[in-house]
């Protein structure tokens, strides 16, 4: 079977592509840029801008293709309020729409598509199953929720679409907001927490994400949505405390009144000086833990990486980059 991975040069795609090659599959990566990755010796690259329908059509989908959509604009870099819609929707929503239309024209019915846990918004029930109410808190979450609505429409027309809703994905080559945390620790500065730090924080490894996409294909691409997150996430206080000890830092953890910090961040956002996206800080002190048992039951997928190990590996990569050393991405279980 041929696998076409839109956004395949990106974070999850660069781990999914070699997995599929190892399975003996033909792989085509469709992306706007091509990196210097070793798996391109065995993978065909097609330049594609998903915001352009003609560019998506030029990929040349075939009826028996297995399609993966990993193209997305993420919450980093932080955008000011006025620019968020135009930043997220062209790729996240319209790009997905263009891919689904191209699949329909080609008669290709199978799609694995990544959305986000941020479609849920504030925690209503705990732990969060895939039936949790949907109420995104910003343009990123809305852009992803709208693609789930598209998927529901295409399923009625005969497409098989597996949706994945990951927590914060970390792994080699992607530090994002964690870089700010690591700088505080390196400089022995206090590390503020939104709230008491007693609530858990859940990551998901990029390696586990790639394996989930493979598992959905192996299971026949069920018409279902699946949460992706680690097992037994520790409290924020323990997670950060362990990292500070590992780093040998003199930083201390600083609990704060969650409501006051959020209102301050709201004000900065209104002044077009955001330092976090509202979708990040508004839920920072909530019990946002995804129940991932459905993926285990239906796909046989179980996350392999612990939050503590992922965060320490991410910090190790940060330190290695600062020292001018490259980190072998295939051996690092986190950012």
C-alpha atoms as a PDB file:
ATOM      1  CA  UNK A   1       0.000   0.000   0.000  1.00  0.00           C
ATOM      2  CA  UNK A   2       1.104   3.577  -0.646  1.00  0.00           C
ATOM      3  CA  UNK A   3       0.973   5.998   2.297  1.00  0.00           C
ATOM      4  CA  UNK A   4       0.729   9.717   1.546  1.00  0.00           C
ATOM      5  CA  UNK A   5       1.687  11.858   4.542  1.00  0.00           C
ATOM      6  CA  UNK A   6       0.646  15.507   4.301  1.00  0.00           C
ATOM      7  CA  UNK A   7       2.886  17.510   6.615  1.00  0.00           C
ATOM      8  CA  UNK A   8       5.158  14.481   6.670  1.00  0.00           C
ATOM      9  CA  UNK A   9       8.349  16.507   7.004  1.00  0.00           C
ATOM     10  CA  UNK A  10       7.035  17.875  10.304  1.00  0.00           C
ATOM     11  CA  UNK A  11       7.272  16.677  13.859  1.00  0.00           C
ATOM     12  CA  UNK A  12       5.187  13.476  13.896  1.00  0.00           C
ATOM     13  CA  UNK A  13       5.657  12.751  10.194  1.00  0.00           C
ATOM     14  CA  UNK A  14       9.419  12.415  10.393  1.00  0.00           C
ATOM     15  CA  UNK A  15       8.912   9.548  12.851  1.00  0.00           C
ATOM     16  CA  UNK A  16       5.910   7.972  11.120  1.00  0.00           C
ATOM     17  CA  UNK A  17       7.522   7.805   7.659  1.00  0.00           C
ATOM     18  CA  UNK A  18      10.469   5.565   8.653  1.00  0.00           C
ATOM     19  CA  UNK A  19       8.116   3.338  10.671  1.00  0.00           C
ATOM     20  CA  UNK A  20       6.034   2.691   7.565  1.00  0.00           C
ATOM     21  CA  UNK A  21       9.139   2.135   5.430  1.00  0.00           C
ATOM     22  CA  UNK A  22      10.291  -0.453   7.993  1.00  0.00           C
ATOM     23  CA  UNK A  23       6.928  -2.176   7.463  1.00  0.00           C
ATOM     24  CA  UNK A  24       7.756  -2.478   3.756  1.00  0.00           C
ATOM     25  CA  UNK A  25       5.284   0.230   2.733  1.00  0.00           C
ATOM     26  CA  UNK A  26       5.656   2.792  -0.046  1.00  0.00           C
ATOM     27  CA  UNK A  27       5.698   6.298   1.441  1.00  0.00           C
ATOM     28  CA  UNK A  28       5.160   9.717  -0.134  1.00  0.00           C
ATOM     29  CA  UNK A  29       5.805  12.817   1.978  1.00  0.00           C
ATOM     30  CA  UNK A  30       3.857  15.895   0.832  1.00  0.00           C
ATOM     31  CA  UNK A  31       5.071  19.054   2.535  1.00  0.00           C
ATOM     32  CA  UNK A  32       6.019  22.636   1.868  1.00  0.00           C
ATOM     33  CA  UNK A  33       9.692  22.037   2.735  1.00  0.00           C
ATOM     34  CA  UNK A  34      12.075  19.078   2.670  1.00  0.00           C
ATOM     35  CA  UNK A  35      14.534  18.600   5.494  1.00  0.00           C
ATOM     36  CA  UNK A  36      17.825  16.751   5.361  1.00  0.00           C
ATOM     37  CA  UNK A  37      16.425  13.555   6.883  1.00  0.00           C
ATOM     38  CA  UNK A  38      17.982  10.130   6.246  1.00  0.00           C
ATOM     39  CA  UNK A  39      14.678   8.404   5.488  1.00  0.00           C
ATOM     40  CA  UNK A  40      14.332  10.369   2.231  1.00  0.00           C
ATOM     41  CA  UNK A  41      16.604   7.712   0.714  1.00  0.00           C
ATOM     42  CA  UNK A  42      13.548   5.450   0.880  1.00  0.00           C
ATOM     43  CA  UNK A  43      10.713   7.995   0.742  1.00  0.00           C
ATOM     44  CA  UNK A  44       9.482  10.129  -2.160  1.00  0.00           C
ATOM     45  CA  UNK A  45       9.025  13.845  -1.475  1.00  0.00           C
ATOM     46  CA  UNK A  46       6.406  15.992  -3.227  1.00  0.00           C
ATOM     47  CA  UNK A  47       6.328  19.715  -2.544  1.00  0.00           C
ATOM     48  CA  UNK A  48       2.833  20.684  -1.423  1.00  0.00           C
ATOM     49  CA  UNK A  49       1.198  23.700   0.182  1.00  0.00           C
ATOM     50  CA  UNK A  50      -2.073  22.458   1.683  1.00  0.00           C
ATOM     51  CA  UNK A  51      -3.543  25.978   1.635  1.00  0.00           C
ATOM     52  CA  UNK A  52      -3.550  25.757  -2.208  1.00  0.00           C
ATOM     53  CA  UNK A  53      -6.098  23.269  -3.663  1.00  0.00           C
ATOM     54  CA  UNK A  54      -4.111  22.979  -6.913  1.00  0.00           C
ATOM     55  CA  UNK A  55      -0.978  22.117  -4.948  1.00  0.00           C
ATOM     56  CA  UNK A  56      -2.836  19.395  -3.042  1.00  0.00           C
ATOM     57  CA  UNK A  57      -4.284  18.053  -6.318  1.00  0.00           C
ATOM     58  CA  UNK A  58      -0.780  17.883  -7.831  1.00  0.00           C
ATOM     59  CA  UNK A  59       0.241  15.269  -5.236  1.00  0.00           C
ATOM     60  CA  UNK A  60      -1.723  12.787  -7.370  1.00  0.00           C
ATOM     61  CA  UNK A  61      -3.692  10.767  -4.833  1.00  0.00           C
ATOM     62  CA  UNK A  62      -4.828   7.305  -5.928  1.00  0.00           C
ATOM     63  CA  UNK A  63      -7.869   5.293  -4.881  1.00  0.00           C
ATOM     64  CA  UNK A  64      -5.923   2.773  -2.806  1.00  0.00           C
ATOM     65  CA  UNK A  65      -3.759   5.332  -0.967  1.00  0.00           C
ATOM     66  CA  UNK A  66      -3.672   5.492   2.821  1.00  0.00           C
ATOM     67  CA  UNK A  67      -3.690   9.209   3.652  1.00  0.00           C
ATOM     68  CA  UNK A  68      -2.284  10.789   6.821  1.00  0.00           C
ATOM     69  CA  UNK A  69      -2.849  14.476   7.557  1.00  0.00           C
ATOM     70  CA  UNK A  70      -0.239  15.833   9.954  1.00  0.00           C
ATOM     71  CA  UNK A  71      -0.082  19.360   8.513  1.00  0.00           C
ATOM     72  CA  UNK A  72      -0.832  22.017  11.117  1.00  0.00           C
ATOM     73  CA  UNK A  73      -0.023  25.418  12.532  1.00  0.00           C
ATOM     74  CA  UNK A  74       0.704  25.129  16.242  1.00  0.00           C
ATOM     75  CA  UNK A  75       0.464  27.446  19.278  1.00  0.00           C
ATOM     76  CA  UNK A  76       4.132  28.342  18.931  1.00  0.00           C
ATOM     77  CA  UNK A  77       5.134  31.008  18.013  1.00  0.00           C
ATOM     78  CA  UNK A  78       2.548  32.925  20.054  1.00  0.00           C
ATOM     79  CA  UNK A  79       0.268  35.106  17.922  1.00  0.00           C
ATOM     80  CA  UNK A  80      -1.489  38.337  18.907  1.00  0.00           C
ATOM     81  CA  UNK A  81      -5.279  38.120  19.080  1.00  0.00           C
ATOM     82  CA  UNK A  82      -6.009  39.854  15.774  1.00  0.00           C
ATOM     83  CA  UNK A  83      -3.798  37.461  13.812  1.00  0.00           C
ATOM     84  CA  UNK A  84      -4.861  34.128  15.296  1.00  0.00           C
ATOM     85  CA  UNK A  85      -7.709  33.264  12.934  1.00  0.00           C
ATOM     86  CA  UNK A  86      -5.673  33.977   9.816  1.00  0.00           C
ATOM     87  CA  UNK A  87      -2.708  32.105  11.271  1.00  0.00           C
ATOM     88  CA  UNK A  88      -4.494  28.862  12.160  1.00  0.00           C
ATOM     89  CA  UNK A  89      -7.429  28.416   9.789  1.00  0.00           C
ATOM     90  CA  UNK A  90      -5.730  28.415   6.341  1.00  0.00           C
ATOM     91  CA  UNK A  91      -3.623  25.352   7.204  1.00  0.00           C
ATOM     92  CA  UNK A  92      -5.558  23.628   9.979  1.00  0.00           C
ATOM     93  CA  UNK A  93      -9.069  23.907   8.538  1.00  0.00           C
ATOM     94  CA  UNK A  94      -8.890  24.842   4.856  1.00  0.00           C
ATOM     95  CA  UNK A  95      -5.832  22.645   4.313  1.00  0.00           C
ATOM     96  CA  UNK A  96      -7.714  19.674   5.743  1.00  0.00           C
ATOM     97  CA  UNK A  97     -10.712  20.527   3.571  1.00  0.00           C
ATOM     98  CA  UNK A  98      -8.506  20.572   0.460  1.00  0.00           C
ATOM     99  CA  UNK A  99      -7.039  17.173   1.349  1.00  0.00           C
ATOM    100  CA  UNK A 100     -10.474  15.628   1.890  1.00  0.00           C
ATOM    101  CA  UNK A 101     -11.746  17.032  -1.412  1.00  0.00           C
ATOM    102  CA  UNK A 102      -8.691  15.630  -3.216  1.00  0.00           C
ATOM    103  CA  UNK A 103      -9.285  12.257  -1.568  1.00  0.00           C
ATOM    104  CA  UNK A 104     -12.900  12.321  -2.714  1.00  0.00           C
ATOM    105  CA  UNK A 105     -11.910  13.062  -6.310  1.00  0.00           C
ATOM    106  CA  UNK A 106      -9.364  10.236  -6.248  1.00  0.00           C
ATOM    107  CA  UNK A 107     -11.751   7.800  -4.556  1.00  0.00           C
ATOM    108  CA  UNK A 108      -9.309   7.390  -1.652  1.00  0.00           C
ATOM    109  CA  UNK A 109     -11.451   6.635   1.433  1.00  0.00           C
ATOM    110  CA  UNK A 110      -8.955   6.181   4.310  1.00  0.00           C
ATOM    111  CA  UNK A 111      -7.594   9.047   6.426  1.00  0.00           C
ATOM    112  CA  UNK A 112      -5.721   9.357   9.714  1.00  0.00           C
ATOM    113  CA  UNK A 113      -6.053  12.948  10.914  1.00  0.00           C
ATOM    114  CA  UNK A 114      -4.546  14.729  13.923  1.00  0.00           C
ATOM    115  CA  UNK A 115      -6.586  17.325  15.832  1.00  0.00           C
ATOM    116  CA  UNK A 116      -5.969  18.307  19.495  1.00  0.00           C
ATOM    117  CA  UNK A 117      -7.212  17.833  23.043  1.00  0.00           C
ATOM    118  CA  UNK A 118      -7.729  21.617  23.096  1.00  0.00           C
ATOM    119  CA  UNK A 119     -11.108  21.129  21.424  1.00  0.00           C
ATOM    120  CA  UNK A 120     -12.362  20.177  24.920  1.00  0.00           C
ATOM    121  CA  UNK A 121     -11.696  23.557  26.560  1.00  0.00           C
ATOM    122  CA  UNK A 122     -12.285  23.662  30.323  1.00  0.00           C
ATOM    123  CA  UNK A 123     -12.457  20.383  32.221  1.00  0.00           C
ATOM    124  CA  UNK A 124     -16.070  19.325  32.804  1.00  0.00           C
ATOM    125  CA  UNK A 125     -15.677  15.622  33.601  1.00  0.00           C
ATOM    126  CA  UNK A 126     -12.550  13.866  34.824  1.00  0.00           C
ATOM    127  CA  UNK A 127     -10.731  11.972  33.413  1.00  0.00           C
ATOM    128  CA  UNK A 128     -11.531  13.291  29.942  1.00  0.00           C
ATOM    129  CA  UNK A 129     -12.860  10.600  27.640  1.00  0.00           C
ATOM    130  CA  UNK A 130     -13.541  11.128  23.949  1.00  0.00           C
ATOM    131  CA  UNK A 131     -17.162  11.941  24.900  1.00  0.00           C
ATOM    132  CA  UNK A 132     -16.121  15.001  26.911  1.00  0.00           C
ATOM    133  CA  UNK A 133     -18.056  18.169  25.888  1.00  0.00           C
ATOM    134  CA  UNK A 134     -16.369  20.231  23.193  1.00  0.00           C
ATOM    135  CA  UNK A 135     -15.852  23.982  23.784  1.00  0.00           C
ATOM    136  CA  UNK A 136     -12.517  25.317  22.404  1.00  0.00           C
ATOM    137  CA  UNK A 137     -11.084  28.405  24.120  1.00  0.00           C
ATOM    138  CA  UNK A 138      -9.394  29.939  21.077  1.00  0.00           C
ATOM    139  CA  UNK A 139      -8.760  29.930  17.359  1.00  0.00           C
ATOM    140  CA  UNK A 140      -6.334  27.003  17.412  1.00  0.00           C
ATOM    141  CA  UNK A 141      -8.833  24.703  19.116  1.00  0.00           C
ATOM    142  CA  UNK A 142     -11.657  25.957  16.898  1.00  0.00           C
ATOM    143  CA  UNK A 143      -9.643  25.375  13.726  1.00  0.00           C
ATOM    144  CA  UNK A 144      -9.146  21.768  14.797  1.00  0.00           C
ATOM    145  CA  UNK A 145     -12.733  21.244  15.975  1.00  0.00           C
ATOM    146  CA  UNK A 146     -14.004  22.435  12.584  1.00  0.00           C
ATOM    147  CA  UNK A 147     -11.923  19.693  10.935  1.00  0.00           C
ATOM    148  CA  UNK A 148     -13.645  17.124  13.151  1.00  0.00           C
ATOM    149  CA  UNK A 149     -16.967  18.470  11.899  1.00  0.00           C
ATOM    150  CA  UNK A 150     -15.668  18.087   8.333  1.00  0.00           C
ATOM    151  CA  UNK A 151     -14.692  14.511   9.139  1.00  0.00           C
ATOM    152  CA  UNK A 152     -18.221  13.777  10.384  1.00  0.00           C
ATOM    153  CA  UNK A 153     -19.631  14.985   7.053  1.00  0.00           C
ATOM    154  CA  UNK A 154     -17.199  12.950   4.949  1.00  0.00           C
ATOM    155  CA  UNK A 155     -17.841   9.839   7.020  1.00  0.00           C
ATOM    156  CA  UNK A 156     -21.487  10.066   5.953  1.00  0.00           C
ATOM    157  CA  UNK A 157     -20.253   9.944   2.355  1.00  0.00           C
ATOM    158  CA  UNK A 158     -18.254   6.777   2.928  1.00  0.00           C
ATOM    159  CA  UNK A 159     -14.838   7.870   4.154  1.00  0.00           C
ATOM    160  CA  UNK A 160     -13.119   6.049   7.017  1.00  0.00           C
ATOM    161  CA  UNK A 161     -11.446   8.633   9.253  1.00  0.00           C
ATOM    162  CA  UNK A 162      -9.517   8.027  12.475  1.00  0.00           C
ATOM    163  CA  UNK A 163      -9.064  11.199  14.554  1.00  0.00           C
ATOM    164  CA  UNK A 164      -6.346  11.675  17.163  1.00  0.00           C
ATOM    165  CA  UNK A 165      -6.523  14.241  19.966  1.00  0.00           C
ATOM    166  CA  UNK A 166      -3.057  14.514  21.552  1.00  0.00           C
ATOM    167  CA  UNK A 167      -1.940  16.394  24.628  1.00  0.00           C
ATOM    168  CA  UNK A 168       1.221  18.509  24.301  1.00  0.00           C
ATOM    169  CA  UNK A 169       3.515  16.535  21.985  1.00  0.00           C
ATOM    170  CA  UNK A 170       7.183  16.613  22.873  1.00  0.00           C
ATOM    171  CA  UNK A 171      10.206  14.958  21.320  1.00  0.00           C
ATOM    172  CA  UNK A 172      13.493  15.638  19.540  1.00  0.00           C
ATOM    173  CA  UNK A 173      13.734  18.946  17.721  1.00  0.00           C
ATOM    174  CA  UNK A 174      10.745  20.690  19.236  1.00  0.00           C
ATOM    175  CA  UNK A 175      11.159  22.669  22.436  1.00  0.00           C
ATOM    176  CA  UNK A 176       8.438  25.298  22.011  1.00  0.00           C
ATOM    177  CA  UNK A 177       7.246  26.830  25.277  1.00  0.00           C
ATOM    178  CA  UNK A 178       9.519  24.498  27.275  1.00  0.00           C
ATOM    179  CA  UNK A 179      12.545  26.561  26.276  1.00  0.00           C
ATOM    180  CA  UNK A 180      11.344  29.406  28.536  1.00  0.00           C
ATOM    181  CA  UNK A 181      11.095  26.971  31.441  1.00  0.00           C
ATOM    182  CA  UNK A 182      14.571  25.567  30.793  1.00  0.00           C
ATOM    183  CA  UNK A 183      16.101  29.060  30.725  1.00  0.00           C
ATOM    184  CA  UNK A 184      14.646  29.853  34.160  1.00  0.00           C
ATOM    185  CA  UNK A 185      16.108  26.622  35.523  1.00  0.00           C
ATOM    186  CA  UNK A 186      19.487  27.274  33.916  1.00  0.00           C
ATOM    187  CA  UNK A 187      19.579  30.781  35.401  1.00  0.00           C
ATOM    188  CA  UNK A 188      18.594  29.481  38.882  1.00  0.00           C
ATOM    189  CA  UNK A 189      15.527  31.722  38.822  1.00  0.00           C
ATOM    190  CA  UNK A 190      12.172  30.988  40.503  1.00  0.00           C
ATOM    191  CA  UNK A 191       9.834  28.903  38.350  1.00  0.00           C
ATOM    192  CA  UNK A 192       6.272  30.230  38.702  1.00  0.00           C
ATOM    193  CA  UNK A 193       3.383  27.784  38.501  1.00  0.00           C
ATOM    194  CA  UNK A 194      -0.177  28.785  37.640  1.00  0.00           C
ATOM    195  CA  UNK A 195      -1.923  27.625  40.790  1.00  0.00           C
ATOM    196  CA  UNK A 196      -0.554  25.291  43.452  1.00  0.00           C
ATOM    197  CA  UNK A 197       1.078  22.756  41.140  1.00  0.00           C
ATOM    198  CA  UNK A 198      -0.920  19.916  42.691  1.00  0.00           C
ATOM    199  CA  UNK A 199      -2.754  19.188  39.430  1.00  0.00           C
ATOM    200  CA  UNK A 200      -1.150  16.702  37.015  1.00  0.00           C
ATOM    201  CA  UNK A 201       0.361  17.684  33.682  1.00  0.00           C
ATOM    202  CA  UNK A 202       0.244  15.213  30.822  1.00  0.00           C
ATOM    203  CA  UNK A 203       2.500  15.050  27.777  1.00  0.00           C
ATOM    204  CA  UNK A 204       2.574  12.627  24.861  1.00  0.00           C
ATOM    205  CA  UNK A 205       5.757  11.494  23.129  1.00  0.00           C
ATOM    206  CA  UNK A 206       6.144  12.102  19.389  1.00  0.00           C
ATOM    207  CA  UNK A 207       7.181   8.446  19.131  1.00  0.00           C
ATOM    208  CA  UNK A 208       3.907   7.316  20.711  1.00  0.00           C
ATOM    209  CA  UNK A 209       2.010   9.620  18.316  1.00  0.00           C
ATOM    210  CA  UNK A 210       3.676   8.081  15.280  1.00  0.00           C
ATOM    211  CA  UNK A 211       2.887   4.603  16.572  1.00  0.00           C
ATOM    212  CA  UNK A 212      -0.776   5.580  17.083  1.00  0.00           C
ATOM    213  CA  UNK A 213      -1.107   6.559  13.409  1.00  0.00           C
ATOM    214  CA  UNK A 214       0.446   3.254  12.388  1.00  0.00           C
ATOM    215  CA  UNK A 215      -1.864   1.375  14.762  1.00  0.00           C
ATOM    216  CA  UNK A 216      -4.951   3.048  13.238  1.00  0.00           C
ATOM    217  CA  UNK A 217      -3.870   1.971   9.748  1.00  0.00           C
ATOM    218  CA  UNK A 218      -3.196  -1.586  10.957  1.00  0.00           C
ATOM    219  CA  UNK A 219      -6.663  -1.652  12.590  1.00  0.00           C
ATOM    220  CA  UNK A 220      -8.378  -0.677   9.323  1.00  0.00           C
ATOM    221  CA  UNK A 221      -8.837   3.048  10.069  1.00  0.00           C
ATOM    222  CA  UNK A 222     -11.820   2.949  12.470  1.00  0.00           C
ATOM    223  CA  UNK A 223     -14.340   5.798  12.268  1.00  0.00           C
ATOM    224  CA  UNK A 224     -13.463   6.922  15.776  1.00  0.00           C
ATOM    225  CA  UNK A 225     -11.696   9.657  17.750  1.00  0.00           C
ATOM    226  CA  UNK A 226      -8.888   8.762  20.157  1.00  0.00           C
ATOM    227  CA  UNK A 227      -7.206  10.648  22.982  1.00  0.00           C
ATOM    228  CA  UNK A 228      -3.415  10.462  23.093  1.00  0.00           C
ATOM    229  CA  UNK A 229      -1.575  11.107  26.341  1.00  0.00           C
ATOM    230  CA  UNK A 230       0.826   9.509  28.788  1.00  0.00           C
ATOM    231  CA  UNK A 231      -0.193   7.127  31.565  1.00  0.00           C
ATOM    232  CA  UNK A 232      -0.304   8.277  35.214  1.00  0.00           C
ATOM    233  CA  UNK A 233       0.925  11.857  34.736  1.00  0.00           C
ATOM    234  CA  UNK A 234       2.521  13.273  37.903  1.00  0.00           C
ATOM    235  CA  UNK A 235       1.571  16.575  39.580  1.00  0.00           C
ATOM    236  CA  UNK A 236       3.168  19.675  38.058  1.00  0.00           C
ATOM    237  CA  UNK A 237       5.043  20.266  41.326  1.00  0.00           C
ATOM    238  CA  UNK A 238       6.712  16.846  41.205  1.00  0.00           C
ATOM    239  CA  UNK A 239       7.367  17.008  37.460  1.00  0.00           C
ATOM    240  CA  UNK A 240       9.164  20.355  37.716  1.00  0.00           C
ATOM    241  CA  UNK A 241      10.841  19.565  41.018  1.00  0.00           C
ATOM    242  CA  UNK A 242      12.388  16.398  39.585  1.00  0.00           C
ATOM    243  CA  UNK A 243      13.672  18.378  36.600  1.00  0.00           C
ATOM    244  CA  UNK A 244      15.224  21.079  38.807  1.00  0.00           C
ATOM    245  CA  UNK A 245      16.996  18.408  40.860  1.00  0.00           C
ATOM    246  CA  UNK A 246      18.174  16.638  37.700  1.00  0.00           C
ATOM    247  CA  UNK A 247      19.568  19.930  36.365  1.00  0.00           C
ATOM    248  CA  UNK A 248      21.367  20.694  39.622  1.00  0.00           C
ATOM    249  CA  UNK A 249      19.625  24.077  39.640  1.00  0.00           C
ATOM    250  CA  UNK A 250      18.950  26.344  42.603  1.00  0.00           C
ATOM    251  CA  UNK A 251      15.548  27.329  41.169  1.00  0.00           C
ATOM    252  CA  UNK A 252      12.560  27.129  43.483  1.00  0.00           C
ATOM    253  CA  UNK A 253       8.968  26.449  42.511  1.00  0.00           C
ATOM    254  CA  UNK A 254       6.678  29.408  43.077  1.00  0.00           C
ATOM    255  CA  UNK A 255       2.960  28.642  43.553  1.00  0.00           C
ATOM    256  CA  UNK A 256       0.703  31.544  42.529  1.00  0.00           C
ATOM    257  CA  UNK A 257      -3.003  32.363  42.798  1.00  0.00           C
ATOM    258  CA  UNK A 258      -4.238  30.886  39.532  1.00  0.00           C
ATOM    259  CA  UNK A 259      -7.073  33.370  39.071  1.00  0.00           C
ATOM    260  CA  UNK A 260      -4.749  36.373  39.495  1.00  0.00           C
ATOM    261  CA  UNK A 261      -2.165  35.070  37.042  1.00  0.00           C
ATOM    262  CA  UNK A 262      -4.846  34.307  34.475  1.00  0.00           C
ATOM    263  CA  UNK A 263      -6.341  37.787  34.733  1.00  0.00           C
ATOM    264  CA  UNK A 264      -2.848  39.302  34.343  1.00  0.00           C
ATOM    265  CA  UNK A 265      -2.215  37.163  31.265  1.00  0.00           C
ATOM    266  CA  UNK A 266      -5.666  38.150  29.939  1.00  0.00           C
ATOM    267  CA  UNK A 267      -4.675  41.798  30.290  1.00  0.00           C
ATOM    268  CA  UNK A 268      -1.377  41.276  28.467  1.00  0.00           C
ATOM    269  CA  UNK A 269      -3.286  39.452  25.736  1.00  0.00           C
ATOM    270  CA  UNK A 270      -5.723  42.368  25.368  1.00  0.00           C
ATOM    271  CA  UNK A 271      -2.734  44.731  25.123  1.00  0.00           C
ATOM    272  CA  UNK A 272      -1.307  42.616  22.266  1.00  0.00           C
ATOM    273  CA  UNK A 273       1.618  41.544  24.455  1.00  0.00           C
ATOM    274  CA  UNK A 274       0.864  37.831  24.945  1.00  0.00           C
ATOM    275  CA  UNK A 275       3.431  35.675  26.687  1.00  0.00           C
ATOM    276  CA  UNK A 276       1.187  32.578  26.591  1.00  0.00           C
ATOM    277  CA  UNK A 277      -1.815  31.715  24.482  1.00  0.00           C
ATOM    278  CA  UNK A 278      -5.142  31.749  26.394  1.00  0.00           C
ATOM    279  CA  UNK A 279      -5.686  28.141  25.331  1.00  0.00           C
ATOM    280  CA  UNK A 280      -2.578  27.268  27.344  1.00  0.00           C
ATOM    281  CA  UNK A 281      -2.968  29.307  30.519  1.00  0.00           C
ATOM    282  CA  UNK A 282      -6.746  29.174  31.016  1.00  0.00           C
ATOM    283  CA  UNK A 283      -6.577  25.439  31.781  1.00  0.00           C
ATOM    284  CA  UNK A 284      -3.097  25.383  33.344  1.00  0.00           C
ATOM    285  CA  UNK A 285      -4.321  24.681  36.889  1.00  0.00           C
ATOM    286  CA  UNK A 286      -7.155  22.313  35.927  1.00  0.00           C
ATOM    287  CA  UNK A 287      -7.238  18.522  36.078  1.00  0.00           C
ATOM    288  CA  UNK A 288      -6.756  18.046  32.329  1.00  0.00           C
ATOM    289  CA  UNK A 289      -5.965  14.340  32.065  1.00  0.00           C
ATOM    290  CA  UNK A 290      -6.971  12.417  28.968  1.00  0.00           C
ATOM    291  CA  UNK A 291      -8.306   8.887  29.314  1.00  0.00           C
ATOM    292  CA  UNK A 292      -6.405   6.938  26.635  1.00  0.00           C
ATOM    293  CA  UNK A 293      -7.929   3.514  27.263  1.00  0.00           C
ATOM    294  CA  UNK A 294     -10.098   3.609  24.123  1.00  0.00           C
ATOM    295  CA  UNK A 295      -7.005   3.543  21.886  1.00  0.00           C
ATOM    296  CA  UNK A 296      -5.719   0.557  23.837  1.00  0.00           C
ATOM    297  CA  UNK A 297      -9.010  -1.305  23.541  1.00  0.00           C
ATOM    298  CA  UNK A 298      -9.587  -0.643  19.845  1.00  0.00           C
ATOM    299  CA  UNK A 299      -6.084  -0.187  18.397  1.00  0.00           C
ATOM    300  CA  UNK A 300      -3.872  -2.066  20.826  1.00  0.00           C
ATOM    301  CA  UNK A 301      -1.958   1.192  21.381  1.00  0.00           C
ATOM    302  CA  UNK A 302      -0.355   1.872  24.767  1.00  0.00           C
ATOM    303  CA  UNK A 303       1.924   4.898  25.400  1.00  0.00           C
ATOM    304  CA  UNK A 304       5.488   3.840  26.153  1.00  0.00           C
ATOM    305  CA  UNK A 305       7.019   7.039  27.517  1.00  0.00           C
ATOM    306  CA  UNK A 306       6.721   8.631  30.989  1.00  0.00           C
ATOM    307  CA  UNK A 307       6.228  12.382  31.465  1.00  0.00           C
ATOM    308  CA  UNK A 308       9.222  12.640  33.801  1.00  0.00           C
ATOM    309  CA  UNK A 309      11.539  10.974  31.278  1.00  0.00           C
ATOM    310  CA  UNK A 310      10.197  13.039  28.378  1.00  0.00           C
ATOM    311  CA  UNK A 311      10.792  16.332  30.190  1.00  0.00           C
ATOM    312  CA  UNK A 312      14.313  15.399  31.297  1.00  0.00           C
ATOM    313  CA  UNK A 313      15.183  14.231  27.762  1.00  0.00           C
ATOM    314  CA  UNK A 314      13.856  17.542  26.426  1.00  0.00           C
ATOM    315  CA  UNK A 315      16.066  19.428  28.872  1.00  0.00           C
ATOM    316  CA  UNK A 316      19.050  17.284  27.858  1.00  0.00           C
ATOM    317  CA  UNK A 317      18.461  18.208  24.218  1.00  0.00           C
ATOM    318  CA  UNK A 318      18.223  21.884  25.153  1.00  0.00           C
ATOM    319  CA  UNK A 319      21.543  21.667  27.009  1.00  0.00           C
ATOM    320  CA  UNK A 320      23.185  19.769  24.149  1.00  0.00           C
ATOM    321  CA  UNK A 321      22.086  22.417  21.658  1.00  0.00           C
ATOM    322  CA  UNK A 322      23.439  25.178  23.879  1.00  0.00           C
ATOM    323  CA  UNK A 323      26.761  23.339  24.000  1.00  0.00           C
ATOM    324  CA  UNK A 324      26.731  22.990  20.206  1.00  0.00           C
ATOM    325  CA  UNK A 325      26.155  19.254  20.155  1.00  0.00           C
ATOM    326  CA  UNK A 326      23.549  17.495  18.026  1.00  0.00           C
ATOM    327  CA  UNK A 327      21.254  14.938  19.647  1.00  0.00           C
ATOM    328  CA  UNK A 328      20.463  11.731  17.805  1.00  0.00           C
ATOM    329  CA  UNK A 329      16.728  12.086  17.374  1.00  0.00           C
ATOM    330  CA  UNK A 330      16.016   8.400  16.999  1.00  0.00           C
ATOM    331  CA  UNK A 331      17.332   7.764  20.526  1.00  0.00           C
ATOM    332  CA  UNK A 332      15.745  10.627  22.423  1.00  0.00           C
ATOM    333  CA  UNK A 333      12.308   9.946  23.928  1.00  0.00           C
ATOM    334  CA  UNK A 334      11.325  13.600  24.232  1.00  0.00           C
ATOM    335  CA  UNK A 335      11.813  17.131  22.961  1.00  0.00           C
END
